Amino acid sequence: MPRHTNSTTDREPDLPPTQPRETSPLIGVSRTVEERFRAVLASAGMREALGILNERTRYRFTGLYHVEPPLLRNEYLFDRENPSLSLGGDANPLGDTYCGIVAAAEQPFVAADSRTDARLTSHPARDSIVSYVGVPVRTIDGRIFGTLCHFDYRPRILPLDEVAVLEAISRCVSQWLTETRNDER
């Protein structure tokens, strides 16, 4: 027999605006992407898992970078236009990259169009990397390992939930890095 509900007494209580409900679309998207990312990471590796993140956006590149001051090292890079290439290993001066901004601030950084972004008027990467979104990747003890980011040579519109998705995935990456390093010992 169907259960009848009283709309005033059987409702889920209202939550304050700072506490999203478990059924929030953003939470569902992040969780779904995270589950898919973990599955691909376990079965095919980091580069292919980065491809999962990349396909959600219009950005050409999605990468995992390691901060080793004064350098930034490319650990893994997925290129949408050349998905079969295995890119990684390059190093750049940390201060010449947007990843350097993420590492210094220890928080996400977004630039939809660096050429019109007043924060980047004198940044060395301004004319080459036009759009960027990156989040910190932390070690198990909370230190900055590097960044997880999307970037492109052209302006790109950031999907509304992408920073939250990258932050969720950065925790997966942190766990994977810990497990990988423990396996190497």
C-alpha atoms as a PDB file:
ATOM      1  CA  MET A   1       0.000   0.000   0.000  1.00  0.00           C
ATOM      2  CA  PRO A   2       1.444   3.415  -0.912  1.00  0.00           C
ATOM      3  CA  ARG A   3       2.537   5.591   1.937  1.00  0.00           C
ATOM      4  CA  HIS A   4       0.866   8.964   2.156  1.00  0.00           C
ATOM      5  CA  THR A   5       2.941  11.838   3.324  1.00  0.00           C
ATOM      6  CA  ASN A   6       2.022  14.988   5.046  1.00  0.00           C
ATOM      7  CA  SER A   7       3.845  17.744   3.192  1.00  0.00           C
ATOM      8  CA  THR A   8       4.450  19.749   6.359  1.00  0.00           C
ATOM      9  CA  THR A   9       5.632  17.026   8.714  1.00  0.00           C
ATOM     10  CA  ASP A  10       7.272  14.409   6.472  1.00  0.00           C
ATOM     11  CA  ARG A  11       9.478  16.816   4.518  1.00  0.00           C
ATOM     12  CA  GLU A  12      13.225  16.713   4.673  1.00  0.00           C
ATOM     13  CA  PRO A  13      14.293  19.571   6.953  1.00  0.00           C
ATOM     14  CA  ASP A  14      15.671  22.646   5.245  1.00  0.00           C
ATOM     15  CA  LEU A  15      19.442  22.918   5.442  1.00  0.00           C
ATOM     16  CA  PRO A  16      21.282  26.175   5.851  1.00  0.00           C
ATOM     17  CA  PRO A  17      22.608  27.547   2.527  1.00  0.00           C
ATOM     18  CA  THR A  18      26.178  26.458   3.362  1.00  0.00           C
ATOM     19  CA  GLN A  19      25.264  22.754   3.594  1.00  0.00           C
ATOM     20  CA  PRO A  20      24.332  21.232   0.217  1.00  0.00           C
ATOM     21  CA  ARG A  21      21.948  18.306   0.161  1.00  0.00           C
ATOM     22  CA  GLU A  22      23.361  14.946  -0.874  1.00  0.00           C
ATOM     23  CA  THR A  23      21.168  15.123  -3.970  1.00  0.00           C
ATOM     24  CA  SER A  24      22.794  18.328  -5.180  1.00  0.00           C
ATOM     25  CA  PRO A  25      23.580  18.062  -8.907  1.00  0.00           C
ATOM     26  CA  LEU A  26      27.133  19.273  -8.264  1.00  0.00           C
ATOM     27  CA  ILE A  27      27.801  16.564  -5.706  1.00  0.00           C
ATOM     28  CA  GLY A  28      26.385  13.968  -8.078  1.00  0.00           C
ATOM     29  CA  VAL A  29      28.537  15.187 -10.988  1.00  0.00           C
ATOM     30  CA  SER A  30      31.693  15.263  -8.875  1.00  0.00           C
ATOM     31  CA  ARG A  31      31.007  11.810  -7.470  1.00  0.00           C
ATOM     32  CA  THR A  32      30.269  10.330 -10.910  1.00  0.00           C
ATOM     33  CA  VAL A  33      33.391  11.828 -12.472  1.00  0.00           C
ATOM     34  CA  GLU A  34      35.476  10.744  -9.488  1.00  0.00           C
ATOM     35  CA  GLU A  35      34.230   7.151  -9.745  1.00  0.00           C
ATOM     36  CA  ARG A  36      34.955   7.047 -13.475  1.00  0.00           C
ATOM     37  CA  PHE A  37      38.375   8.677 -12.981  1.00  0.00           C
ATOM     38  CA  ARG A  38      39.324   6.120 -10.299  1.00  0.00           C
ATOM     39  CA  ALA A  39      38.246   3.199 -12.499  1.00  0.00           C
ATOM     40  CA  VAL A  40      40.253   4.409 -15.500  1.00  0.00           C
ATOM     41  CA  LEU A  41      43.248   5.283 -13.310  1.00  0.00           C
ATOM     42  CA  ALA A  42      43.265   1.745 -11.878  1.00  0.00           C
ATOM     43  CA  SER A  43      42.806   0.015 -15.229  1.00  0.00           C
ATOM     44  CA  ALA A  44      44.666   2.215 -17.734  1.00  0.00           C
ATOM     45  CA  GLY A  45      46.850   4.713 -15.857  1.00  0.00           C
ATOM     46  CA  MET A  46      47.117   8.421 -15.206  1.00  0.00           C
ATOM     47  CA  ARG A  47      47.331   9.708 -18.782  1.00  0.00           C
ATOM     48  CA  GLU A  48      44.109   7.972 -19.768  1.00  0.00           C
ATOM     49  CA  ALA A  49      42.446   9.124 -16.547  1.00  0.00           C
ATOM     50  CA  LEU A  50      43.405  12.708 -17.417  1.00  0.00           C
ATOM     51  CA  GLY A  51      41.614  12.135 -20.729  1.00  0.00           C
ATOM     52  CA  ILE A  52      38.424  11.450 -18.754  1.00  0.00           C
ATOM     53  CA  LEU A  53      38.749  14.878 -17.133  1.00  0.00           C
ATOM     54  CA  ASN A  54      39.611  16.546 -20.410  1.00  0.00           C
ATOM     55  CA  GLU A  55      36.572  15.215 -22.284  1.00  0.00           C
ATOM     56  CA  ARG A  56      34.271  17.136 -19.915  1.00  0.00           C
ATOM     57  CA  THR A  57      35.689  20.479 -21.100  1.00  0.00           C
ATOM     58  CA  ARG A  58      36.748  22.359 -24.227  1.00  0.00           C
ATOM     59  CA  TYR A  59      40.358  22.763 -23.013  1.00  0.00           C
ATOM     60  CA  ARG A  60      43.042  21.259 -25.218  1.00  0.00           C
ATOM     61  CA  PHE A  61      45.320  20.095 -22.380  1.00  0.00           C
ATOM     62  CA  THR A  62      44.835  18.465 -18.979  1.00  0.00           C
ATOM     63  CA  GLY A  63      47.916  17.855 -16.885  1.00  0.00           C
ATOM     64  CA  LEU A  64      49.439  16.795 -13.611  1.00  0.00           C
ATOM     65  CA  TYR A  65      52.450  18.902 -12.645  1.00  0.00           C
ATOM     66  CA  HIS A  66      54.988  18.519  -9.853  1.00  0.00           C
ATOM     67  CA  VAL A  67      56.243  21.638  -8.083  1.00  0.00           C
ATOM     68  CA  GLU A  68      60.005  21.367  -7.453  1.00  0.00           C
ATOM     69  CA  PRO A  69      61.101  24.980  -6.864  1.00  0.00           C
ATOM     70  CA  PRO A  70      62.461  26.666  -8.833  1.00  0.00           C
ATOM     71  CA  LEU A  71      61.001  24.324 -11.476  1.00  0.00           C
ATOM     72  CA  LEU A  72      57.628  22.931 -12.460  1.00  0.00           C
ATOM     73  CA  ARG A  73      57.801  19.418 -13.900  1.00  0.00           C
ATOM     74  CA  ASN A  74      55.216  17.957 -16.241  1.00  0.00           C
ATOM     75  CA  GLU A  75      54.423  14.509 -14.835  1.00  0.00           C
ATOM     76  CA  TYR A  76      51.524  13.611 -17.148  1.00  0.00           C
ATOM     77  CA  LEU A  77      49.838  15.551 -19.931  1.00  0.00           C
ATOM     78  CA  PHE A  78      46.809  14.721 -22.038  1.00  0.00           C
ATOM     79  CA  ASP A  79      46.516  16.585 -25.362  1.00  0.00           C
ATOM     80  CA  ARG A  80      43.016  16.491 -26.880  1.00  0.00           C
ATOM     81  CA  GLU A  81      44.370  17.104 -30.395  1.00  0.00           C
ATOM     82  CA  ASN A  82      47.038  14.385 -30.095  1.00  0.00           C
ATOM     83  CA  PRO A  83      45.574  11.872 -27.623  1.00  0.00           C
ATOM     84  CA  SER A  84      47.961   9.073 -28.571  1.00  0.00           C
ATOM     85  CA  LEU A  85      51.060  11.081 -27.648  1.00  0.00           C
ATOM     86  CA  SER A  86      52.602  10.301 -24.292  1.00  0.00           C
ATOM     87  CA  LEU A  87      53.781  13.669 -23.031  1.00  0.00           C
ATOM     88  CA  GLY A  88      55.574  14.350 -19.787  1.00  0.00           C
ATOM     89  CA  GLY A  89      58.923  15.177 -18.277  1.00  0.00           C
ATOM     90  CA  ASP A  90      59.319  18.768 -19.440  1.00  0.00           C
ATOM     91  CA  ALA A  91      60.357  21.379 -16.874  1.00  0.00           C
ATOM     92  CA  ASN A  92      59.722  25.132 -16.812  1.00  0.00           C
ATOM     93  CA  PRO A  93      60.630  27.879 -14.364  1.00  0.00           C
ATOM     94  CA  LEU A  94      57.869  27.765 -11.729  1.00  0.00           C
ATOM     95  CA  GLY A  95      57.430  31.546 -11.717  1.00  0.00           C
ATOM     96  CA  ASP A  96      56.705  31.523 -15.455  1.00  0.00           C
ATOM     97  CA  THR A  97      53.627  29.319 -15.038  1.00  0.00           C
ATOM     98  CA  TYR A  98      50.086  29.661 -13.738  1.00  0.00           C
ATOM     99  CA  CYS A  99      50.749  26.511 -11.718  1.00  0.00           C
ATOM    100  CA  GLY A 100      53.196  28.685  -9.768  1.00  0.00           C
ATOM    101  CA  ILE A 101      50.270  30.913  -8.779  1.00  0.00           C
ATOM    102  CA  VAL A 102      48.305  27.872  -7.568  1.00  0.00           C
ATOM    103  CA  ALA A 103      51.288  26.579  -5.587  1.00  0.00           C
ATOM    104  CA  ALA A 104      52.058  29.961  -3.983  1.00  0.00           C
ATOM    105  CA  ALA A 105      48.441  30.666  -3.016  1.00  0.00           C
ATOM    106  CA  GLU A 106      47.671  27.011  -2.202  1.00  0.00           C
ATOM    107  CA  GLN A 107      44.259  27.435  -3.787  1.00  0.00           C
ATOM    108  CA  PRO A 108      42.603  27.159  -7.211  1.00  0.00           C
ATOM    109  CA  PHE A 109      43.353  29.695  -9.907  1.00  0.00           C
ATOM    110  CA  VAL A 110      41.194  30.394 -12.970  1.00  0.00           C
ATOM    111  CA  ALA A 111      41.878  32.586 -15.997  1.00  0.00           C
ATOM    112  CA  ALA A 112      39.311  32.402 -18.807  1.00  0.00           C
ATOM    113  CA  ASP A 113      41.305  34.783 -21.038  1.00  0.00           C
ATOM    114  CA  SER A 114      44.722  35.847 -19.777  1.00  0.00           C
ATOM    115  CA  ARG A 115      44.951  38.622 -22.373  1.00  0.00           C
ATOM    116  CA  THR A 116      42.116  40.493 -20.665  1.00  0.00           C
ATOM    117  CA  ASP A 117      42.829  39.418 -17.072  1.00  0.00           C
ATOM    118  CA  ALA A 118      44.268  42.352 -15.086  1.00  0.00           C
ATOM    119  CA  ARG A 119      45.927  39.955 -12.609  1.00  0.00           C
ATOM    120  CA  LEU A 120      48.156  38.669 -15.409  1.00  0.00           C
ATOM    121  CA  THR A 121      49.272  41.844 -17.186  1.00  0.00           C
ATOM    122  CA  SER A 122      52.953  41.143 -16.523  1.00  0.00           C
ATOM    123  CA  HIS A 123      52.872  37.346 -16.237  1.00  0.00           C
ATOM    124  CA  PRO A 124      55.337  35.562 -18.578  1.00  0.00           C
ATOM    125  CA  ALA A 125      52.742  32.981 -19.718  1.00  0.00           C
ATOM    126  CA  ARG A 126      50.066  35.553 -20.548  1.00  0.00           C
ATOM    127  CA  ASP A 127      50.453  35.469 -24.325  1.00  0.00           C
ATOM    128  CA  SER A 128      51.060  31.734 -24.698  1.00  0.00           C
ATOM    129  CA  ILE A 129      48.642  30.055 -22.255  1.00  0.00           C
ATOM    130  CA  VAL A 130      45.426  32.012 -22.698  1.00  0.00           C
ATOM    131  CA  SER A 131      43.029  29.986 -20.539  1.00  0.00           C
ATOM    132  CA  TYR A 132      43.798  28.017 -17.385  1.00  0.00           C
ATOM    133  CA  VAL A 133      42.139  26.399 -14.404  1.00  0.00           C
ATOM    134  CA  GLY A 134      44.214  24.585 -11.809  1.00  0.00           C
ATOM    135  CA  VAL A 135      43.942  23.242  -8.277  1.00  0.00           C
ATOM    136  CA  PRO A 136      46.597  22.163  -5.795  1.00  0.00           C
ATOM    137  CA  VAL A 137      47.468  18.503  -5.388  1.00  0.00           C
ATOM    138  CA  ARG A 138      48.626  17.805  -1.853  1.00  0.00           C
ATOM    139  CA  THR A 139      50.717  15.079  -0.341  1.00  0.00           C
ATOM    140  CA  ILE A 140      49.203  12.927   2.390  1.00  0.00           C
ATOM    141  CA  ASP A 141      50.696  15.300   5.013  1.00  0.00           C
ATOM    142  CA  GLY A 142      49.139  18.385   3.376  1.00  0.00           C
ATOM    143  CA  ARG A 143      52.150  19.821   1.533  1.00  0.00           C
ATOM    144  CA  ILE A 144      51.775  20.952  -2.079  1.00  0.00           C
ATOM    145  CA  PHE A 145      52.922  18.232  -4.477  1.00  0.00           C
ATOM    146  CA  GLY A 146      51.843  20.112  -7.577  1.00  0.00           C
ATOM    147  CA  THR A 147      48.801  20.977  -9.627  1.00  0.00           C
ATOM    148  CA  LEU A 148      46.031  19.366 -11.601  1.00  0.00           C
ATOM    149  CA  CYS A 149      44.966  21.670 -14.408  1.00  0.00           C
ATOM    150  CA  HIS A 150      43.331  22.328 -17.754  1.00  0.00           C
ATOM    151  CA  PHE A 151      44.792  24.890 -20.144  1.00  0.00           C
ATOM    152  CA  ASP A 152      44.581  26.083 -23.719  1.00  0.00           C
ATOM    153  CA  TYR A 153      46.084  28.481 -26.222  1.00  0.00           C
ATOM    154  CA  ARG A 154      42.620  29.983 -26.770  1.00  0.00           C
ATOM    155  CA  PRO A 155      40.040  31.470 -24.401  1.00  0.00           C
ATOM    156  CA  ARG A 156      37.746  28.873 -22.868  1.00  0.00           C
ATOM    157  CA  ILE A 157      34.616  29.067 -20.768  1.00  0.00           C
ATOM    158  CA  LEU A 158      34.964  27.121 -17.553  1.00  0.00           C
ATOM    159  CA  PRO A 159      32.148  24.671 -16.784  1.00  0.00           C
ATOM    160  CA  LEU A 160      30.423  25.808 -13.569  1.00  0.00           C
ATOM    161  CA  ASP A 161      31.380  22.756 -11.547  1.00  0.00           C
ATOM    162  CA  GLU A 162      34.894  22.229 -12.897  1.00  0.00           C
ATOM    163  CA  VAL A 163      36.854  23.631  -9.943  1.00  0.00           C
ATOM    164  CA  ALA A 164      34.884  21.384  -7.566  1.00  0.00           C
ATOM    165  CA  VAL A 165      35.450  18.395  -9.848  1.00  0.00           C
ATOM    166  CA  LEU A 166      39.198  19.092 -10.083  1.00  0.00           C
ATOM    167  CA  GLU A 167      39.404  19.446  -6.299  1.00  0.00           C
ATOM    168  CA  ALA A 168      37.684  16.074  -5.832  1.00  0.00           C
ATOM    169  CA  ILE A 169      39.970  14.461  -8.396  1.00  0.00           C
ATOM    170  CA  SER A 170      43.053  16.057  -6.803  1.00  0.00           C
ATOM    171  CA  ARG A 171      42.309  14.010  -3.676  1.00  0.00           C
ATOM    172  CA  CYS A 172      42.226  10.844  -5.817  1.00  0.00           C
ATOM    173  CA  VAL A 173      45.532  11.851  -7.380  1.00  0.00           C
ATOM    174  CA  SER A 174      47.046  12.449  -3.942  1.00  0.00           C
ATOM    175  CA  GLN A 175      45.999   8.967  -2.837  1.00  0.00           C
ATOM    176  CA  TRP A 176      47.335   7.457  -6.081  1.00  0.00           C
ATOM    177  CA  LEU A 177      50.682   9.245  -5.651  1.00  0.00           C
ATOM    178  CA  THR A 178      50.987   7.902  -2.109  1.00  0.00           C
ATOM    179  CA  GLU A 179      50.181   4.354  -3.212  1.00  0.00           C
ATOM    180  CA  THR A 180      52.505   4.559  -6.232  1.00  0.00           C
ATOM    181  CA  ARG A 181      55.406   5.829  -4.158  1.00  0.00           C
ATOM    182  CA  ASN A 182      54.828   3.156  -1.504  1.00  0.00           C
ATOM    183  CA  ASP A 183      54.848   0.489  -4.240  1.00  0.00           C
ATOM    184  CA  GLU A 184      58.199   1.811  -5.528  1.00  0.00           C
ATOM    185  CA  ARG A 185      59.874   1.385  -2.115  1.00  0.00           C
END
